Amino acid sequence: MKPRRTALPVTPAAAAAALVLLLPLTACGGDATAGGNGSTVTVTVGYQSRTINTVTAGTLLRSLGYFEKQLDSLGDGVTYKVEWQDYATGAPITAQMTAGKIDIGSMGDFPLLINAARGKQLGKPTRLVSVTGYNLRGGLNTIVVAPGSSLTSLKDLKGRKVSTSVGSAADGTLVRALQRAGLDPAKDIEKLNQQPAVGASALDAGSTDALSQFVAWPGLLAHQGKAKVLYDGARLNLPTFHGVTAVEDFAKKRPAVLEAFLKAQAQATGYLRDRPVDAAEKVAKATGLPAEAVYLYNGAQGIATFDPAVKPQLVAALKEDVSILKDAKLTGDVDVDAFVDDRYVKKALGPAEYAERLAAAPPKPAGEVWPEGARKTLTFSSPTALLRHVAGHRDEVRAAYVPDTTTGTPWFADQAVWVADGTALLPFVASETARAYVAGHGGARVVTYDEALERAA
């Protein structure tokens, strides 16, 4: 089973977006779009098509047309026009929101904090109104190296160049992971502040030694055979998520419109859960990403869990993130409690359903095989059973996914590090965690993927 290679070109727009964090926000200007004119109101939504854990508030939602349908059903005599604006990261969305040009936006947890800080600073306060995708252990962020790299642990990064997007959740993962490994993120590495696409190209060209990025870049590069995992973000065991932010003035002026958006988001979440393969194909078509990489994160057993509810664990994690941004001098103090406002999503879902979603736990990850031409995947109770199926159907498997033995993070079976422990075959996302397991289990050893298939068969 060979990875399907899909090249993603670095566009001038993507490269230019890297400068957004350096631009003074006072340079932004324009008229607010939510005010409307006569009987027509334009609602502007900023999203990140390739940050695929925001799809229920962006790419997938847009393709399904649920928001427009919800607006049509309001019956208030107003004609609504939805303008969708696609960006590479959350920074330009924040800039446009504070300039009065975007009403609703979606982004990751660290950019959300910057969104809160900039909104307050510039007199355009924003509010976190819902969540899109999350992982309670932090598995949405990953540090990868080139396939032939000799680096095998975080300690090996000392004195090396590491590409990341400063102010992103992936940067937060890098900082915390290095600190736990006994390294000083400010002194022991050379950090390159680059957009994801630029960093991916730098890794491929050998001009950076490692890349710390958010979904879907690590999985995409692994699927393309251009990277292997050095560090699984889930080892931090700290929640990471993406969410929806709205300009406070807009929310107060047009609460029915925001509620319509959140109802549509809930519908898109239901579609993703009920038809995960179809959802992955839709997102792949809209973004140019391979569907197999989309499914790794957004599938039935994917790395992300999708739910609009603003869970207390996520709010607590957001508070923990503030110190990272303060140390990087990207924000001052952020009043997270004032920023979080789940009243609108609670009303959109209904109090009973919202309470149920708050209490719900993410599903326990299991192995999956996506057969060629199938609209549903096959689920397996153990990695060995999955490998046995793959070994017997090699030409019929589009993709296979297995959860890491230690962290539970799903990964491509053919890109995982496999350990044989007696009759058990155990997958790991990174070689460092595999070696740690072997060191603690006498007789266990690392085996190749082909050897694991042979053993299972």
Protein backbone atom coordinates (compact mmCIF):
# COMPACT_ATOMS: atom_id res chain seq x y z
CA MET A 1 0.00 0.00 0.00
CA LYS A 2 1.85 3.07 -1.26
CA PRO A 3 0.99 6.61 -0.21
CA ARG A 4 -0.78 8.72 -2.82
CA ARG A 5 1.34 11.78 -3.55
CA THR A 6 -0.47 15.07 -3.93
CA ALA A 7 1.71 18.14 -4.26
CA LEU A 8 0.40 21.39 -2.78
CA PRO A 9 1.99 24.44 -4.43
CA VAL A 10 3.00 27.40 -2.30
CA THR A 11 1.05 30.33 -3.69
CA PRO A 12 2.21 33.95 -3.40
CA ALA A 13 -0.85 34.62 -1.24
CA ALA A 14 0.14 31.88 1.19
CA ALA A 15 3.69 33.18 1.43
CA ALA A 16 2.54 36.76 1.86
CA ALA A 17 0.18 35.74 4.65
CA ALA A 18 3.26 34.97 6.75
CA LEU A 19 3.73 38.72 7.16
CA VAL A 20 0.29 39.32 8.68
CA LEU A 21 1.40 39.00 12.29
CA LEU A 22 4.05 41.64 11.62
CA LEU A 23 1.67 44.22 10.20
CA PRO A 24 0.21 46.90 12.48
CA LEU A 25 -3.45 46.20 12.89
CA THR A 26 -4.22 49.91 12.67
CA ALA A 27 -3.43 49.63 8.94
CA CYS A 28 -6.60 47.64 8.42
CA GLY A 29 -9.77 49.54 7.60
CA GLY A 30 -13.10 49.27 5.88
CA ASP A 31 -16.82 49.19 6.43
CA ALA A 32 -18.50 46.58 8.62
CA THR A 33 -20.38 44.03 6.55
CA ALA A 34 -23.08 43.13 9.04
CA GLY A 35 -24.89 46.42 9.04
CA GLY A 36 -26.88 45.70 5.95
CA ASN A 37 -28.44 48.12 3.52
CA GLY A 38 -32.21 48.19 3.13
CA SER A 39 -33.54 44.65 3.06
CA THR A 40 -30.20 43.03 2.22
CA VAL A 41 -27.62 42.02 4.85
CA THR A 42 -24.18 40.61 4.06
CA VAL A 43 -22.68 38.23 6.60
CA THR A 44 -18.95 37.63 6.15
CA VAL A 45 -17.41 34.40 7.40
CA GLY A 46 -13.64 33.93 7.62
CA TYR A 47 -12.38 30.35 7.58
CA GLN A 48 -9.30 28.23 6.85
CA SER A 49 -10.12 25.63 4.22
CA ARG A 50 -7.01 23.52 4.81
CA THR A 51 -7.14 23.71 8.60
CA ILE A 52 -9.53 20.82 8.39
CA ASN A 53 -10.59 20.72 12.04
CA THR A 54 -12.60 23.86 11.32
CA VAL A 55 -14.57 22.30 8.45
CA THR A 56 -17.90 22.23 10.30
CA ALA A 57 -17.70 26.02 10.47
CA GLY A 58 -15.92 26.43 7.13
CA THR A 59 -15.14 24.15 4.20
CA LEU A 60 -17.73 21.43 4.81
CA LEU A 61 -20.38 23.87 6.03
CA ARG A 62 -19.90 26.01 2.94
CA SER A 63 -20.15 23.04 0.57
CA LEU A 64 -23.37 21.82 2.20
CA GLY A 65 -25.07 25.24 2.11
CA TYR A 66 -26.61 24.76 5.55
CA PHE A 67 -25.94 28.32 6.74
CA GLU A 68 -27.67 29.86 3.76
CA LYS A 69 -30.64 27.55 4.26
CA GLN A 70 -30.87 28.48 7.94
CA LEU A 71 -30.84 32.17 7.03
CA ASP A 72 -33.57 31.63 4.43
CA SER A 73 -35.73 30.01 7.10
CA LEU A 74 -35.59 33.02 9.44
CA GLY A 75 -38.58 34.58 7.68
CA ASP A 76 -37.75 38.09 8.86
CA GLY A 77 -38.14 39.75 5.48
CA VAL A 78 -34.42 40.28 5.09
CA THR A 79 -32.37 38.97 2.16
CA TYR A 80 -29.10 37.53 3.45
CA LYS A 81 -25.92 37.20 1.45
CA VAL A 82 -23.08 35.09 2.85
CA GLU A 83 -19.54 35.98 1.83
CA TRP A 84 -16.96 33.26 2.55
CA GLN A 85 -13.32 34.35 2.87
CA ASP A 86 -10.59 31.68 2.93
CA TYR A 87 -7.27 32.22 4.73
CA ALA A 88 -4.18 30.13 5.49
CA THR A 89 -4.12 30.92 9.23
CA GLY A 90 -6.14 32.65 11.93
CA ALA A 91 -4.04 35.85 12.04
CA PRO A 92 -5.54 37.53 8.95
CA ILE A 93 -9.04 36.56 10.09
CA THR A 94 -8.41 38.38 13.35
CA ALA A 95 -7.07 41.40 11.47
CA GLN A 96 -10.20 41.52 9.31
CA MET A 97 -12.51 41.06 12.30
CA THR A 98 -10.94 43.96 14.18
CA ALA A 99 -11.20 46.03 11.01
CA GLY A 100 -14.95 45.35 10.85
CA LYS A 101 -14.71 43.26 7.69
CA ILE A 102 -15.45 39.77 9.07
CA ASP A 103 -18.32 38.91 11.40
CA ILE A 104 -17.64 35.23 12.21
CA GLY A 105 -14.32 33.39 12.06
CA SER A 106 -12.84 30.01 12.94
CA MET A 107 -9.30 29.27 14.13
CA GLY A 108 -7.20 27.27 16.59
CA ASP A 109 -6.91 27.80 20.32
CA PHE A 110 -3.76 29.96 20.39
CA PRO A 111 -5.00 32.23 17.56
CA LEU A 112 -8.30 32.48 19.44
CA LEU A 113 -6.47 34.01 22.39
CA ILE A 114 -4.75 36.49 20.08
CA ASN A 115 -8.18 37.20 18.60
CA ALA A 116 -9.51 37.98 22.08
CA ALA A 117 -6.54 40.20 22.94
CA ARG A 118 -6.53 42.15 19.66
CA GLY A 119 -10.29 42.62 19.74
CA LYS A 120 -10.16 44.12 23.22
CA GLN A 121 -7.10 46.22 22.40
CA LEU A 122 -8.68 47.75 19.29
CA GLY A 123 -12.18 48.25 20.66
CA LYS A 124 -13.71 45.45 18.58
CA PRO A 125 -14.21 42.74 21.23
CA THR A 126 -14.87 39.20 20.07
CA ARG A 127 -16.35 36.16 21.76
CA LEU A 128 -15.66 32.43 21.52
CA VAL A 129 -19.10 31.04 20.70
CA SER A 130 -18.53 27.36 19.80
CA VAL A 131 -15.97 24.62 19.19
CA THR A 132 -15.36 22.76 15.93
CA GLY A 133 -12.83 19.90 16.38
CA TYR A 134 -10.76 19.00 19.45
CA ASN A 135 -8.41 16.40 20.89
CA LEU A 136 -8.23 16.17 24.65
CA ARG A 137 -4.61 14.97 24.63
CA GLY A 138 -3.20 17.43 22.07
CA GLY A 139 -2.91 15.08 19.09
CA LEU A 140 -3.85 17.74 16.52
CA ASN A 141 -0.27 19.11 16.56
CA THR A 142 2.80 17.14 15.52
CA ILE A 143 6.54 17.66 15.05
CA VAL A 144 7.91 15.94 11.95
CA VAL A 145 11.29 15.52 10.26
CA ALA A 146 12.35 14.41 6.80
CA PRO A 147 12.03 10.65 6.11
CA GLY A 148 15.80 10.15 6.01
CA SER A 149 16.57 12.34 9.02
CA SER A 150 18.93 11.02 11.69
CA LEU A 151 17.00 12.91 14.38
CA THR A 152 15.16 10.49 16.65
CA SER A 153 14.24 12.51 19.76
CA LEU A 154 13.41 16.03 20.86
CA LYS A 155 16.84 16.37 22.46
CA ASP A 156 18.32 15.94 18.99
CA LEU A 157 16.79 19.28 18.01
CA LYS A 158 19.36 21.21 20.07
CA GLY A 159 21.19 23.59 17.75
CA ARG A 160 18.85 22.78 14.86
CA LYS A 161 16.44 24.82 12.74
CA VAL A 162 12.77 24.20 13.43
CA SER A 163 9.97 25.70 11.34
CA THR A 164 6.64 26.61 12.92
CA SER A 165 4.02 29.37 12.81
CA VAL A 166 4.64 31.63 15.81
CA GLY A 167 1.44 32.21 17.76
CA SER A 168 -0.15 28.97 16.57
CA ALA A 169 -1.12 25.91 18.60
CA ALA A 170 1.70 24.04 16.84
CA ASP A 171 4.18 26.58 18.19
CA GLY A 172 2.70 26.05 21.65
CA THR A 173 3.25 22.31 21.28
CA LEU A 174 6.83 22.88 20.22
CA VAL A 175 7.56 25.16 23.17
CA ARG A 176 6.03 22.82 25.74
CA ALA A 177 7.59 19.69 24.25
CA LEU A 178 11.06 21.22 24.23
CA GLN A 179 10.66 22.43 27.81
CA ARG A 180 9.68 18.93 28.96
CA ALA A 181 12.73 17.57 27.15
CA GLY A 182 14.93 19.97 29.12
CA LEU A 183 15.59 22.38 26.23
CA ASP A 184 15.13 26.15 26.16
CA PRO A 185 12.90 27.02 23.16
CA ALA A 186 14.40 30.53 23.03
CA LYS A 187 18.06 29.46 23.08
CA ASP A 188 18.51 25.82 22.13
CA ILE A 189 16.89 25.88 18.67
CA GLU A 190 16.73 28.32 15.77
CA LYS A 191 13.01 28.90 15.30
CA LEU A 192 11.84 29.79 11.79
CA ASN A 193 8.51 31.65 11.79
CA GLN A 194 6.90 30.33 8.60
CA GLN A 195 3.46 29.64 7.19
CA PRO A 196 2.66 25.89 7.06
CA ALA A 197 3.12 25.60 3.29
CA VAL A 198 6.44 27.46 3.44
CA GLY A 199 7.65 25.28 6.30
CA ALA A 200 6.64 22.13 4.45
CA SER A 201 8.65 23.25 1.43
CA ALA A 202 11.60 24.10 3.67
CA LEU A 203 11.53 20.61 5.20
CA ASP A 204 11.41 19.03 1.74
CA ALA A 205 14.32 21.21 0.58
CA GLY A 206 16.41 20.49 3.67
CA SER A 207 16.56 24.14 4.77
CA THR A 208 14.93 23.27 8.09
CA ASP A 209 15.58 20.23 10.28
CA ALA A 210 12.07 19.83 11.67
CA LEU A 211 8.56 21.18 11.26
CA SER A 212 6.03 21.69 14.07
CA GLN A 213 2.59 22.22 12.58
CA PHE A 214 -1.11 21.82 13.09
CA VAL A 215 -3.64 19.73 11.22
CA ALA A 216 -3.52 18.70 8.41
CA TRP A 217 0.12 19.33 7.50
CA PRO A 218 1.88 16.55 9.48
CA GLY A 219 -0.56 13.90 8.24
CA LEU A 220 -0.39 15.24 4.69
CA LEU A 221 3.41 15.13 4.58
CA ALA A 222 3.48 11.64 6.09
CA HIS A 223 0.92 10.46 3.53
CA GLN A 224 3.04 11.92 0.74
CA GLY A 225 6.12 10.12 2.06
CA LYS A 226 7.79 13.48 2.78
CA ALA A 227 7.98 13.28 6.58
CA LYS A 228 8.09 11.02 9.60
CA VAL A 229 6.94 11.87 13.10
CA LEU A 230 9.46 12.98 15.69
CA TYR A 231 6.93 13.92 18.38
CA ASP A 232 3.22 13.16 18.82
CA GLY A 233 1.56 16.22 20.41
CA ALA A 234 -0.73 13.93 22.39
CA ARG A 235 2.22 13.07 24.62
CA LEU A 236 1.65 16.45 26.29
CA ASN A 237 -1.78 15.23 27.40
CA LEU A 238 -3.13 18.80 27.12
CA PRO A 239 -6.32 19.56 25.17
CA THR A 240 -6.10 21.43 21.89
CA PHE A 241 -9.01 22.58 19.76
CA HIS A 242 -10.39 24.87 17.08
CA GLY A 243 -13.36 27.15 17.62
CA VAL A 244 -15.67 29.83 16.28
CA THR A 245 -15.30 33.47 17.26
CA ALA A 246 -17.78 36.26 16.55
CA VAL A 247 -17.52 40.03 16.79
CA GLU A 248 -19.42 41.03 19.92
CA ASP A 249 -21.26 43.92 18.24
CA PHE A 250 -22.42 41.59 15.48
CA ALA A 251 -23.61 38.97 17.98
CA LYS A 252 -25.60 41.56 19.91
CA LYS A 253 -27.06 43.23 16.82
CA ARG A 254 -27.95 40.04 14.94
CA PRO A 255 -28.28 37.19 17.46
CA ALA A 256 -30.70 35.32 15.16
CA VAL A 257 -28.07 35.26 12.42
CA LEU A 258 -25.39 33.94 14.77
CA GLU A 259 -27.82 31.33 16.08
CA ALA A 260 -28.56 30.33 12.48
CA PHE A 261 -24.83 29.86 11.90
CA LEU A 262 -24.47 27.69 14.99
CA LYS A 263 -27.49 25.59 14.04
CA ALA A 264 -25.93 25.11 10.61
CA GLN A 265 -22.62 24.17 12.25
CA ALA A 266 -24.44 21.54 14.33
CA GLN A 267 -26.01 20.18 11.13
CA ALA A 268 -22.61 19.99 9.45
CA THR A 269 -21.24 18.20 12.51
CA GLY A 270 -24.04 15.67 12.23
CA TYR A 271 -23.27 15.15 8.55
CA LEU A 272 -19.59 14.56 9.32
CA ARG A 273 -20.43 12.02 12.01
CA ASP A 274 -23.04 10.17 9.96
CA ARG A 275 -21.18 10.23 6.64
CA PRO A 276 -17.47 10.60 7.46
CA VAL A 277 -16.21 9.21 4.15
CA ASP A 278 -18.48 11.50 2.13
CA ALA A 279 -17.42 14.45 4.30
CA ALA A 280 -13.73 13.66 3.74
CA GLU A 281 -14.30 13.49 -0.01
CA LYS A 282 -16.13 16.83 0.00
CA VAL A 283 -13.34 18.53 1.95
CA ALA A 284 -10.72 16.93 -0.29
CA LYS A 285 -12.45 18.20 -3.41
CA ALA A 286 -12.71 21.74 -2.01
CA THR A 287 -9.13 21.94 -0.73
CA GLY A 288 -7.01 19.77 -2.99
CA LEU A 289 -5.93 17.72 0.03
CA PRO A 290 -5.91 13.93 -0.38
CA ALA A 291 -9.06 12.46 1.14
CA GLU A 292 -6.96 9.89 3.01
CA ALA A 293 -5.19 12.67 4.94
CA VAL A 294 -8.48 14.45 5.64
CA TYR A 295 -9.96 11.22 6.98
CA LEU A 296 -6.99 10.68 9.30
CA TYR A 297 -8.11 13.72 11.26
CA ASN A 298 -11.85 13.93 10.56
CA GLY A 299 -12.85 10.29 10.15
CA ALA A 300 -15.10 8.17 12.33
CA GLN A 301 -12.07 7.20 14.46
CA GLY A 302 -10.04 10.28 13.53
CA ILE A 303 -7.69 12.36 15.63
CA ALA A 304 -10.34 15.05 16.09
CA THR A 305 -13.68 14.86 17.83
CA PHE A 306 -16.25 17.31 16.48
CA ASP A 307 -18.76 18.94 18.81
CA PRO A 308 -19.93 22.59 19.00
CA ALA A 309 -20.20 22.47 22.82
CA VAL A 310 -17.63 24.55 24.69
CA LYS A 311 -16.36 21.94 27.14
CA PRO A 312 -14.89 23.03 30.48
CA GLN A 313 -11.69 21.05 29.74
CA LEU A 314 -11.12 23.19 26.65
CA VAL A 315 -11.71 26.45 28.50
CA ALA A 316 -9.26 25.33 31.20
CA ALA A 317 -6.67 24.50 28.52
CA LEU A 318 -7.19 27.93 26.95
CA LYS A 319 -6.28 29.53 30.26
CA GLU A 320 -3.10 27.45 30.41
CA ASP A 321 -2.16 28.64 26.92
CA VAL A 322 -2.09 32.33 27.88
CA SER A 323 1.33 32.06 29.54
CA ILE A 324 2.92 30.69 26.34
CA LEU A 325 1.70 33.68 24.32
CA LYS A 326 2.73 36.13 27.04
CA ASP A 327 6.24 34.68 27.14
CA ALA A 328 6.42 35.11 23.36
CA LYS A 329 5.24 38.72 23.81
CA LEU A 330 2.28 38.11 21.49
CA THR A 331 -0.34 39.06 24.08
CA GLY A 332 -0.66 40.38 27.58
CA ASP A 333 -3.16 38.96 30.03
CA VAL A 334 -6.33 37.55 28.43
CA ASP A 335 -9.59 37.32 30.36
CA VAL A 336 -10.64 33.91 29.07
CA ASP A 337 -13.86 33.80 31.10
CA ALA A 338 -15.00 37.08 29.53
CA PHE A 339 -14.03 35.84 26.05
CA VAL A 340 -15.99 32.57 26.27
CA ASP A 341 -19.72 32.99 25.59
CA ASP A 342 -21.65 29.79 24.96
CA ARG A 343 -25.12 31.34 25.31
CA TYR A 344 -25.70 31.37 21.57
CA VAL A 345 -24.72 27.75 20.91
CA LYS A 346 -26.65 26.62 23.98
CA LYS A 347 -29.76 28.29 22.55
CA ALA A 348 -29.07 26.89 19.07
CA LEU A 349 -28.78 23.31 20.34
CA GLY A 350 -31.30 23.55 23.17
CA PRO A 351 -30.36 23.29 26.89
CA ALA A 352 -30.93 19.52 27.15
CA GLU A 353 -28.87 18.60 24.09
CA TYR A 354 -26.16 21.05 25.07
CA ALA A 355 -25.85 19.50 28.54
CA GLU A 356 -25.66 16.06 26.95
CA ARG A 357 -22.88 17.17 24.61
CA LEU A 358 -20.91 18.72 27.47
CA ALA A 359 -20.96 15.41 29.32
CA ALA A 360 -20.13 13.26 26.28
CA ALA A 361 -16.67 11.67 26.11
CA PRO A 362 -14.78 11.19 22.84
CA PRO A 363 -15.00 7.68 21.39
CA LYS A 364 -12.16 5.30 22.15
CA PRO A 365 -10.03 5.10 18.99
CA ALA A 366 -9.99 1.88 16.98
CA GLY A 367 -8.29 0.73 13.80
CA GLU A 368 -9.95 1.42 10.46
CA VAL A 369 -9.47 0.23 6.91
CA TRP A 370 -10.83 2.24 3.99
CA PRO A 371 -11.40 -0.20 1.10
CA GLU A 372 -10.97 1.07 -2.45
CA GLY A 373 -14.25 2.37 -3.83
CA ALA A 374 -16.10 2.01 -0.52
CA ARG A 375 -18.31 4.64 1.10
CA LYS A 376 -17.77 3.14 4.55
CA THR A 377 -14.72 1.94 6.44
CA LEU A 378 -14.13 -1.32 8.29
CA THR A 379 -13.37 -1.17 12.02
CA PHE A 380 -11.03 -3.56 13.83
CA SER A 381 -10.73 -4.31 17.52
CA SER A 382 -6.95 -4.82 17.48
CA PRO A 383 -3.97 -3.73 15.36
CA THR A 384 -3.13 -7.36 14.66
CA ALA A 385 -6.60 -8.02 13.26
CA LEU A 386 -6.29 -4.93 11.06
CA LEU A 387 -2.89 -6.02 9.76
CA ARG A 388 -4.24 -9.49 9.04
CA HIS A 389 -6.99 -7.96 6.90
CA VAL A 390 -4.55 -5.65 5.09
CA ALA A 391 -2.18 -8.54 4.41
CA GLY A 392 -4.99 -10.47 2.74
CA HIS A 393 -6.38 -7.52 0.74
CA ARG A 394 -3.31 -5.46 -0.21
CA ASP A 395 -4.68 -4.37 -3.59
CA GLU A 396 -8.06 -3.45 -2.14
CA VAL A 397 -6.98 -1.08 0.64
CA ARG A 398 -7.12 2.66 0.02
CA ALA A 399 -5.86 3.55 3.50
CA ALA A 400 -5.47 1.94 6.91
CA TYR A 401 -5.36 3.74 10.27
CA VAL A 402 -4.22 2.52 13.70
CA PRO A 403 -4.24 4.22 17.14
CA ASP A 404 -0.92 4.78 18.91
CA THR A 405 -0.48 2.24 21.71
CA THR A 406 0.50 4.94 24.22
CA THR A 407 -1.44 8.07 23.25
CA GLY A 408 -4.33 6.72 21.17
CA THR A 409 -3.51 9.10 18.30
CA PRO A 410 -4.61 7.50 15.00
CA TRP A 411 -1.98 7.32 12.26
CA PHE A 412 -1.45 5.69 8.89
CA ALA A 413 -0.66 2.01 9.43
CA ASP A 414 2.08 2.04 6.79
CA GLN A 415 3.71 5.12 8.39
CA ALA A 416 3.50 3.91 12.01
CA VAL A 417 6.43 2.46 13.95
CA TRP A 418 5.57 -1.17 14.76
CA VAL A 419 6.67 -3.18 17.78
CA ALA A 420 6.38 -6.95 18.16
CA ASP A 421 5.77 -7.95 21.76
CA GLY A 422 5.23 -11.70 21.86
CA THR A 423 2.24 -12.33 19.60
CA ALA A 424 1.02 -8.73 19.87
CA LEU A 425 1.77 -6.17 17.16
CA LEU A 426 1.69 -2.63 18.52
CA PRO A 427 1.72 0.64 16.52
CA PHE A 428 3.30 3.94 17.57
CA VAL A 429 3.19 7.34 15.86
CA ALA A 430 6.82 8.19 16.72
CA SER A 431 9.95 6.08 17.04
CA GLU A 432 10.84 7.65 20.41
CA THR A 433 7.69 6.32 22.06
CA ALA A 434 8.19 2.95 20.39
CA ARG A 435 11.72 2.73 21.77
CA ALA A 436 10.49 3.73 25.22
CA TYR A 437 7.98 0.87 25.11
CA VAL A 438 10.65 -1.62 24.00
CA ALA A 439 12.95 -0.49 26.81
CA GLY A 440 10.26 -1.29 29.36
CA HIS A 441 9.14 -4.62 27.92
CA GLY A 442 11.68 -7.43 27.76
CA GLY A 443 11.60 -9.31 24.46
CA ALA A 444 9.76 -6.56 22.56
CA ARG A 445 11.44 -5.17 19.43
CA VAL A 446 10.81 -2.73 16.62
CA VAL A 447 9.84 -4.36 13.31
CA THR A 448 9.20 -3.03 9.83
CA TYR A 449 5.69 -2.60 8.48
CA ASP A 450 6.21 -5.43 6.02
CA GLU A 451 7.41 -7.70 8.82
CA ALA A 452 4.37 -6.76 10.89
CA LEU A 453 2.12 -7.71 7.98
CA GLU A 454 3.88 -11.05 7.60
CA ARG A 455 3.58 -11.78 11.31
CA ALA A 456 -0.11 -10.92 11.29
CA ALA A 457 -0.79 -13.08 8.25
